[in-house]
Amino acid sequence: MATILIAHSDPAQREALANGLRARGFDVVATADVDAALDAAGTASPLAFLVEPALLLREDMAVSTRLELRAEKSVRILALTHKFVPAENDAFKRHGAGILAKPMEDVDRLVTMLRASIVDAPWEGESEEPEKTSTRSEPALSKAERKKLEKQKREDEKRKAREERELGKAREEEERLRERAAELERKAREREEREGRERAEKEARERERQERERDRQERGGAEQAVQARLRQERE
């Protein structure tokens, strides 16, 4: 039985969607945020990740890459909205996410979309030719919709490959920055040690100068005392 991850901050909407998918034969892991869903991906082996748009837009690092690393496979990501907003859609693409064809309350349509998300393999428990043997009541995808989904999958794969390259470059840059930070820290320690030695040497020289000055003053005082006694004796 396939598992669906859900991340939604609204408990009522989250449970309504989870219950709707469970009623249609899915295992569901429902969480209130993206991090919890990613944590569950390591053991759940999810088919898809359904995520509230607002949660997705808060993420800085590509969710698709992080999810694939946790699940150890490619996982389809869908933002739970059917409205196309250019600015948001650009952010969704950055995270490797698509949008729904219909409102999230249309669970039957969502299930059809989830089943069609694997275009190169049959659904678990179905025959190799589901069109001939399936008795599902979900509406079939049109040819145009299927082509659109296939195109979107190819774009997702390209995007994921690009994000993996970018992640690799980011890791290399992070390693360079760590090395640079270590080098700067080493130089700072050397500078502090050098300045410490210089301060110690300066303090030592100052103590020597003060000691010489005290000796000079003591000798001067002794000479003055001798001269005073001599004057008194002459008088």
C-alpha atoms as a PDB file:
ATOM      1  CA  MET A   1       0.000   0.000   0.000  1.00  0.00           C
ATOM      2  CA  ALA A   2       1.451   3.369  -1.050  1.00  0.00           C
ATOM      3  CA  THR A   3       2.232   6.041   1.531  1.00  0.00           C
ATOM      4  CA  ILE A   4       1.464   9.728   1.139  1.00  0.00           C
ATOM      5  CA  LEU A   5       3.173  12.417   3.230  1.00  0.00           C
ATOM      6  CA  ILE A   6       1.118  15.465   4.163  1.00  0.00           C
ATOM      7  CA  ALA A   7       2.405  18.686   5.719  1.00  0.00           C
ATOM      8  CA  HIS A   8      -0.275  21.221   6.636  1.00  0.00           C
ATOM      9  CA  SER A   9      -0.414  23.669   9.537  1.00  0.00           C
ATOM     10  CA  ASP A  10      -4.220  23.552   9.840  1.00  0.00           C
ATOM     11  CA  PRO A  11      -5.206  20.444  11.855  1.00  0.00           C
ATOM     12  CA  ALA A  12      -8.740  20.290  10.451  1.00  0.00           C
ATOM     13  CA  GLN A  13      -7.674  20.485   6.801  1.00  0.00           C
ATOM     14  CA  ARG A  14      -4.774  18.141   7.446  1.00  0.00           C
ATOM     15  CA  GLU A  15      -6.983  15.447   8.989  1.00  0.00           C
ATOM     16  CA  ALA A  16      -9.732  15.872   6.405  1.00  0.00           C
ATOM     17  CA  LEU A  17      -7.292  15.256   3.569  1.00  0.00           C
ATOM     18  CA  ALA A  18      -5.567  12.407   5.415  1.00  0.00           C
ATOM     19  CA  ASN A  19      -8.892  10.681   6.140  1.00  0.00           C
ATOM     20  CA  GLY A  20      -9.995  11.107   2.525  1.00  0.00           C
ATOM     21  CA  LEU A  21      -6.813   9.449   1.245  1.00  0.00           C
ATOM     22  CA  ARG A  22      -6.987   6.674   3.833  1.00  0.00           C
ATOM     23  CA  ALA A  23     -10.533   5.931   2.748  1.00  0.00           C
ATOM     24  CA  ARG A  24      -9.214   5.408  -0.779  1.00  0.00           C
ATOM     25  CA  GLY A  25      -6.593   2.899   0.276  1.00  0.00           C
ATOM     26  CA  PHE A  26      -3.516   4.985   1.019  1.00  0.00           C
ATOM     27  CA  ASP A  27      -1.301   4.949   4.062  1.00  0.00           C
ATOM     28  CA  VAL A  28      -0.905   8.542   5.243  1.00  0.00           C
ATOM     29  CA  VAL A  29       1.662  10.281   7.453  1.00  0.00           C
ATOM     30  CA  ALA A  30       0.301  13.700   8.343  1.00  0.00           C
ATOM     31  CA  THR A  31       2.482  16.360   9.975  1.00  0.00           C
ATOM     32  CA  ALA A  32       2.242  20.035  10.820  1.00  0.00           C
ATOM     33  CA  ASP A  33       5.476  21.110   9.126  1.00  0.00           C
ATOM     34  CA  VAL A  34       7.946  20.196   6.409  1.00  0.00           C
ATOM     35  CA  ASP A  35      10.762  19.058   8.699  1.00  0.00           C
ATOM     36  CA  ALA A  36       8.569  16.465  10.419  1.00  0.00           C
ATOM     37  CA  ALA A  37       7.449  15.127   7.051  1.00  0.00           C
ATOM     38  CA  LEU A  38      11.054  14.875   5.864  1.00  0.00           C
ATOM     39  CA  ASP A  39      11.953  12.987   9.032  1.00  0.00           C
ATOM     40  CA  ALA A  40       9.164  10.498   8.300  1.00  0.00           C
ATOM     41  CA  ALA A  41      10.298  10.021   4.703  1.00  0.00           C
ATOM     42  CA  GLY A  42      13.234   7.878   5.750  1.00  0.00           C
ATOM     43  CA  THR A  43      11.009   5.056   6.951  1.00  0.00           C
ATOM     44  CA  ALA A  44       7.739   5.683   5.132  1.00  0.00           C
ATOM     45  CA  SER A  45       9.069   5.296   1.551  1.00  0.00           C
ATOM     46  CA  PRO A  46       6.456   7.752   0.284  1.00  0.00           C
ATOM     47  CA  LEU A  47       4.905   7.896  -3.164  1.00  0.00           C
ATOM     48  CA  ALA A  48       4.175  11.618  -2.921  1.00  0.00           C
ATOM     49  CA  PHE A  49       4.462  14.604  -0.617  1.00  0.00           C
ATOM     50  CA  LEU A  50       1.465  16.948  -0.363  1.00  0.00           C
ATOM     51  CA  VAL A  51       2.394  20.230   1.277  1.00  0.00           C
ATOM     52  CA  GLU A  52       0.632  23.452   2.199  1.00  0.00           C
ATOM     53  CA  PRO A  53       1.880  26.278  -0.065  1.00  0.00           C
ATOM     54  CA  ALA A  54       2.661  28.577   2.862  1.00  0.00           C
ATOM     55  CA  LEU A  55       4.912  25.934   4.435  1.00  0.00           C
ATOM     56  CA  LEU A  56       6.671  25.331   1.135  1.00  0.00           C
ATOM     57  CA  LEU A  57       7.305  29.045   0.579  1.00  0.00           C
ATOM     58  CA  ARG A  58       9.032  29.308   3.962  1.00  0.00           C
ATOM     59  CA  GLU A  59      11.705  26.791   3.018  1.00  0.00           C
ATOM     60  CA  ASP A  60      15.085  28.061   1.828  1.00  0.00           C
ATOM     61  CA  MET A  61      16.750  24.838   0.689  1.00  0.00           C
ATOM     62  CA  ALA A  62      15.188  22.791  -2.109  1.00  0.00           C
ATOM     63  CA  VAL A  63      12.654  20.418  -0.556  1.00  0.00           C
ATOM     64  CA  SER A  64      12.867  17.998  -3.485  1.00  0.00           C
ATOM     65  CA  THR A  65      16.588  17.382  -2.916  1.00  0.00           C
ATOM     66  CA  ARG A  66      16.204  16.980   0.836  1.00  0.00           C
ATOM     67  CA  LEU A  67      13.239  14.651   0.393  1.00  0.00           C
ATOM     68  CA  GLU A  68      15.045  12.504  -2.161  1.00  0.00           C
ATOM     69  CA  LEU A  69      18.034  12.184   0.152  1.00  0.00           C
ATOM     70  CA  ARG A  70      15.811  11.059   3.027  1.00  0.00           C
ATOM     71  CA  ALA A  71      13.618   8.702   1.002  1.00  0.00           C
ATOM     72  CA  GLU A  72      16.513   7.482  -1.178  1.00  0.00           C
ATOM     73  CA  LYS A  73      14.309   7.794  -4.243  1.00  0.00           C
ATOM     74  CA  SER A  74      12.501  10.384  -6.318  1.00  0.00           C
ATOM     75  CA  VAL A  75       9.264  11.529  -4.657  1.00  0.00           C
ATOM     76  CA  ARG A  76       6.614  13.669  -6.326  1.00  0.00           C
ATOM     77  CA  ILE A  77       5.837  16.924  -4.504  1.00  0.00           C
ATOM     78  CA  LEU A  78       2.510  18.711  -4.919  1.00  0.00           C
ATOM     79  CA  ALA A  79       1.596  22.073  -3.412  1.00  0.00           C
ATOM     80  CA  LEU A  80      -1.960  21.903  -2.120  1.00  0.00           C
ATOM     81  CA  THR A  81      -3.355  24.601  -4.387  1.00  0.00           C
ATOM     82  CA  HIS A  82      -4.863  24.633  -7.859  1.00  0.00           C
ATOM     83  CA  LYS A  83      -4.347  28.360  -8.373  1.00  0.00           C
ATOM     84  CA  PHE A  84      -1.514  29.457 -10.629  1.00  0.00           C
ATOM     85  CA  VAL A  85       0.287  32.457  -9.118  1.00  0.00           C
ATOM     86  CA  PRO A  86       3.482  33.253 -11.108  1.00  0.00           C
ATOM     87  CA  ALA A  87       5.592  34.309  -8.129  1.00  0.00           C
ATOM     88  CA  GLU A  88       4.526  31.318  -6.056  1.00  0.00           C
ATOM     89  CA  ASN A  89       4.868  28.949  -8.983  1.00  0.00           C
ATOM     90  CA  ASP A  90       8.495  29.984  -9.440  1.00  0.00           C
ATOM     91  CA  ALA A  91       9.122  29.132  -5.792  1.00  0.00           C
ATOM     92  CA  PHE A  92       7.292  25.810  -6.194  1.00  0.00           C
ATOM     93  CA  LYS A  93       9.521  24.945  -9.157  1.00  0.00           C
ATOM     94  CA  ARG A  94      12.584  25.693  -7.078  1.00  0.00           C
ATOM     95  CA  HIS A  95      11.381  23.090  -4.605  1.00  0.00           C
ATOM     96  CA  GLY A  96      10.515  20.618  -7.370  1.00  0.00           C
ATOM     97  CA  ALA A  97       6.786  20.938  -6.657  1.00  0.00           C
ATOM     98  CA  GLY A  98       3.790  21.002  -8.958  1.00  0.00           C
ATOM     99  CA  ILE A  99       0.248  22.177  -8.229  1.00  0.00           C
ATOM    100  CA  LEU A 100      -3.117  20.441  -8.227  1.00  0.00           C
ATOM    101  CA  ALA A 101      -5.495  20.320 -11.169  1.00  0.00           C
ATOM    102  CA  LYS A 102      -8.490  20.875  -8.870  1.00  0.00           C
ATOM    103  CA  PRO A 103      -9.031  22.171  -5.306  1.00  0.00           C
ATOM    104  CA  MET A 104      -7.581  19.922  -2.603  1.00  0.00           C
ATOM    105  CA  GLU A 105     -11.107  19.101  -1.434  1.00  0.00           C
ATOM    106  CA  ASP A 106     -11.593  17.124  -4.665  1.00  0.00           C
ATOM    107  CA  VAL A 107      -9.891  14.040  -3.276  1.00  0.00           C
ATOM    108  CA  ASP A 108     -10.957  11.783  -6.154  1.00  0.00           C
ATOM    109  CA  ARG A 109      -9.213  14.044  -8.642  1.00  0.00           C
ATOM    110  CA  LEU A 110      -6.172  14.214  -6.370  1.00  0.00           C
ATOM    111  CA  VAL A 111      -6.040  10.412  -6.202  1.00  0.00           C
ATOM    112  CA  THR A 112      -6.171  10.233  -9.987  1.00  0.00           C
ATOM    113  CA  MET A 113      -3.310  12.689 -10.185  1.00  0.00           C
ATOM    114  CA  LEU A 114      -1.295  10.689  -7.667  1.00  0.00           C
ATOM    115  CA  ARG A 115      -1.857   7.466  -9.593  1.00  0.00           C
ATOM    116  CA  ALA A 116      -0.830   9.165 -12.826  1.00  0.00           C
ATOM    117  CA  SER A 117       2.316  10.592 -11.233  1.00  0.00           C
ATOM    118  CA  ILE A 118       4.082   7.311 -11.997  1.00  0.00           C
ATOM    119  CA  VAL A 119       3.717   7.263 -15.758  1.00  0.00           C
ATOM    120  CA  ASP A 120       6.295   4.558 -16.409  1.00  0.00           C
ATOM    121  CA  ALA A 121       4.981   1.888 -14.013  1.00  0.00           C
ATOM    122  CA  PRO A 122       1.606   0.470 -12.974  1.00  0.00           C
ATOM    123  CA  TRP A 123       0.079   1.330  -9.631  1.00  0.00           C
ATOM    124  CA  GLU A 124       0.750  -1.098  -6.806  1.00  0.00           C
ATOM    125  CA  GLY A 125      -1.752  -3.967  -7.043  1.00  0.00           C
ATOM    126  CA  GLU A 126      -2.828  -3.171 -10.601  1.00  0.00           C
ATOM    127  CA  SER A 127      -2.083  -5.079 -13.777  1.00  0.00           C
ATOM    128  CA  GLU A 128       0.345  -3.921 -16.429  1.00  0.00           C
ATOM    129  CA  GLU A 129      -2.646  -2.586 -18.427  1.00  0.00           C
ATOM    130  CA  PRO A 130      -4.783  -0.752 -15.894  1.00  0.00           C
ATOM    131  CA  GLU A 131      -6.868   0.848 -18.617  1.00  0.00           C
ATOM    132  CA  LYS A 132      -8.267  -2.553 -19.590  1.00  0.00           C
ATOM    133  CA  THR A 133      -8.673  -4.174 -16.166  1.00  0.00           C
ATOM    134  CA  SER A 134      -9.204  -1.325 -13.732  1.00  0.00           C
ATOM    135  CA  THR A 135     -12.591  -0.950 -12.111  1.00  0.00           C
ATOM    136  CA  ARG A 136     -11.728   2.354 -10.411  1.00  0.00           C
ATOM    137  CA  SER A 137     -14.363   5.022 -10.390  1.00  0.00           C
ATOM    138  CA  GLU A 138     -11.886   7.902 -10.619  1.00  0.00           C
ATOM    139  CA  PRO A 139     -12.143  10.032 -13.770  1.00  0.00           C
ATOM    140  CA  ALA A 140      -9.552   9.131 -16.412  1.00  0.00           C
ATOM    141  CA  LEU A 141      -6.944  11.623 -17.446  1.00  0.00           C
ATOM    142  CA  SER A 142      -7.278  13.166 -20.851  1.00  0.00           C
ATOM    143  CA  LYS A 143      -4.451  12.736 -23.358  1.00  0.00           C
ATOM    144  CA  ALA A 144      -3.510  16.381 -22.970  1.00  0.00           C
ATOM    145  CA  GLU A 145      -3.456  16.097 -19.182  1.00  0.00           C
ATOM    146  CA  ARG A 146      -1.314  12.965 -19.324  1.00  0.00           C
ATOM    147  CA  LYS A 147       1.151  14.634 -21.690  1.00  0.00           C
ATOM    148  CA  LYS A 148       1.248  17.589 -19.359  1.00  0.00           C
ATOM    149  CA  LEU A 149       2.009  15.317 -16.414  1.00  0.00           C
ATOM    150  CA  GLU A 150       4.708  13.488 -18.370  1.00  0.00           C
ATOM    151  CA  LYS A 151       6.247  16.795 -19.394  1.00  0.00           C
ATOM    152  CA  GLN A 152       6.099  18.010 -15.813  1.00  0.00           C
ATOM    153  CA  LYS A 153       7.816  14.814 -14.644  1.00  0.00           C
ATOM    154  CA  ARG A 154      10.623  15.312 -17.154  1.00  0.00           C
ATOM    155  CA  GLU A 155      10.985  18.918 -16.042  1.00  0.00           C
ATOM    156  CA  ASP A 156      11.051  17.753 -12.420  1.00  0.00           C
ATOM    157  CA  GLU A 157      13.827  15.287 -13.210  1.00  0.00           C
ATOM    158  CA  LYS A 158      15.862  17.986 -14.968  1.00  0.00           C
ATOM    159  CA  ARG A 159      15.221  20.370 -12.103  1.00  0.00           C
ATOM    160  CA  LYS A 160      16.290  17.792  -9.553  1.00  0.00           C
ATOM    161  CA  ALA A 161      19.479  17.076 -11.496  1.00  0.00           C
ATOM    162  CA  ARG A 162      20.181  20.795 -11.640  1.00  0.00           C
ATOM    163  CA  GLU A 163      19.468  21.181  -7.930  1.00  0.00           C
ATOM    164  CA  GLU A 164      21.779  18.276  -7.146  1.00  0.00           C
ATOM    165  CA  ARG A 165      24.536  20.002  -9.095  1.00  0.00           C
ATOM    166  CA  GLU A 166      23.807  23.245  -7.294  1.00  0.00           C
ATOM    167  CA  LEU A 167      23.781  21.416  -3.966  1.00  0.00           C
ATOM    168  CA  GLY A 168      27.149  19.873  -4.833  1.00  0.00           C
ATOM    169  CA  LYS A 169      28.531  23.302  -5.655  1.00  0.00           C
ATOM    170  CA  ALA A 170      27.056  24.689  -2.442  1.00  0.00           C
ATOM    171  CA  ARG A 171      28.730  21.932  -0.444  1.00  0.00           C
ATOM    172  CA  GLU A 172      32.054  22.636  -2.140  1.00  0.00           C
ATOM    173  CA  GLU A 173      31.665  26.333  -1.400  1.00  0.00           C
ATOM    174  CA  GLU A 174      30.746  25.519   2.197  1.00  0.00           C
ATOM    175  CA  GLU A 175      33.884  23.381   2.506  1.00  0.00           C
ATOM    176  CA  ARG A 176      35.995  26.213   1.070  1.00  0.00           C
ATOM    177  CA  LEU A 177      34.428  28.624   3.538  1.00  0.00           C
ATOM    178  CA  ARG A 178      35.161  26.254   6.418  1.00  0.00           C
ATOM    179  CA  GLU A 179      38.764  25.940   5.306  1.00  0.00           C
ATOM    180  CA  ARG A 180      38.994  29.723   4.943  1.00  0.00           C
ATOM    181  CA  ALA A 181      37.486  30.195   8.410  1.00  0.00           C
ATOM    182  CA  ALA A 182      39.957  27.685   9.870  1.00  0.00           C
ATOM    183  CA  GLU A 183      42.830  29.528   8.177  1.00  0.00           C
ATOM    184  CA  LEU A 184      41.634  32.880   9.507  1.00  0.00           C
ATOM    185  CA  GLU A 185      41.228  31.402  12.975  1.00  0.00           C
ATOM    186  CA  ARG A 186      44.779  29.986  12.819  1.00  0.00           C
ATOM    187  CA  LYS A 187      46.179  33.349  11.742  1.00  0.00           C
ATOM    188  CA  ALA A 188      44.201  35.091  14.499  1.00  0.00           C
ATOM    189  CA  ARG A 189      45.666  32.721  17.088  1.00  0.00           C
ATOM    190  CA  GLU A 190      49.173  33.302  15.733  1.00  0.00           C
ATOM    191  CA  ARG A 191      48.609  37.064  15.820  1.00  0.00           C
ATOM    192  CA  GLU A 192      47.331  36.887  19.409  1.00  0.00           C
ATOM    193  CA  GLU A 193      50.332  34.764  20.435  1.00  0.00           C
ATOM    194  CA  ARG A 194      52.729  37.175  18.724  1.00  0.00           C
ATOM    195  CA  GLU A 195      51.062  40.184  20.318  1.00  0.00           C
ATOM    196  CA  GLY A 196      51.145  38.393  23.677  1.00  0.00           C
ATOM    197  CA  ARG A 197      54.885  37.798  23.342  1.00  0.00           C
ATOM    198  CA  GLU A 198      55.420  41.396  22.337  1.00  0.00           C
ATOM    199  CA  ARG A 199      53.404  42.627  25.333  1.00  0.00           C
ATOM    200  CA  ALA A 200      55.375  40.342  27.650  1.00  0.00           C
ATOM    201  CA  GLU A 201      58.677  41.598  26.238  1.00  0.00           C
ATOM    202  CA  LYS A 202      57.519  45.190  26.529  1.00  0.00           C
ATOM    203  CA  GLU A 203      56.425  44.663  30.123  1.00  0.00           C
ATOM    204  CA  ALA A 204      59.776  43.014  30.906  1.00  0.00           C
ATOM    205  CA  ARG A 205      61.664  45.965  29.434  1.00  0.00           C
ATOM    206  CA  GLU A 206      59.477  48.361  31.400  1.00  0.00           C
ATOM    207  CA  ARG A 207      60.182  46.492  34.631  1.00  0.00           C
ATOM    208  CA  GLU A 208      63.937  46.630  33.910  1.00  0.00           C
ATOM    209  CA  ARG A 209      63.691  50.358  33.239  1.00  0.00           C
ATOM    210  CA  GLN A 210      61.781  50.914  36.476  1.00  0.00           C
ATOM    211  CA  GLU A 211      64.328  48.864  38.422  1.00  0.00           C
ATOM    212  CA  ARG A 212      67.202  50.865  36.927  1.00  0.00           C
ATOM    213  CA  GLU A 213      65.362  54.071  37.802  1.00  0.00           C
ATOM    214  CA  ARG A 214      64.868  52.916  41.411  1.00  0.00           C
ATOM    215  CA  ASP A 215      68.557  51.969  41.635  1.00  0.00           C
ATOM    216  CA  ARG A 216      69.562  55.376  40.289  1.00  0.00           C
ATOM    217  CA  GLN A 217      67.283  57.148  42.746  1.00  0.00           C
ATOM    218  CA  GLU A 218      68.601  55.055  45.628  1.00  0.00           C
ATOM    219  CA  ARG A 219      72.200  55.793  44.674  1.00  0.00           C
ATOM    220  CA  GLY A 220      71.385  59.477  44.327  1.00  0.00           C
ATOM    221  CA  GLY A 221      69.754  59.490  47.751  1.00  0.00           C
ATOM    222  CA  ALA A 222      72.751  57.743  49.327  1.00  0.00           C
ATOM    223  CA  GLU A 223      75.165  60.242  47.767  1.00  0.00           C
ATOM    224  CA  GLN A 224      73.093  63.147  49.022  1.00  0.00           C
ATOM    225  CA  ALA A 225      73.105  61.666  52.547  1.00  0.00           C
ATOM    226  CA  VAL A 226      76.926  61.287  52.492  1.00  0.00           C
ATOM    227  CA  GLN A 227      77.373  64.855  51.299  1.00  0.00           C
ATOM    228  CA  ALA A 228      75.046  66.109  54.040  1.00  0.00           C
ATOM    229  CA  ARG A 229      77.076  64.323  56.737  1.00  0.00           C
ATOM    230  CA  LEU A 230      80.311  65.725  55.300  1.00  0.00           C
ATOM    231  CA  ARG A 231      78.931  69.255  55.416  1.00  0.00           C
ATOM    232  CA  GLN A 232      77.856  68.761  59.011  1.00  0.00           C
ATOM    233  CA  GLU A 233      81.303  67.471  59.993  1.00  0.00           C
ATOM    234  CA  ARG A 234      83.028  70.465  58.380  1.00  0.00           C
ATOM    235  CA  GLU A 235      80.725  72.835  60.171  1.00  0.00           C
END
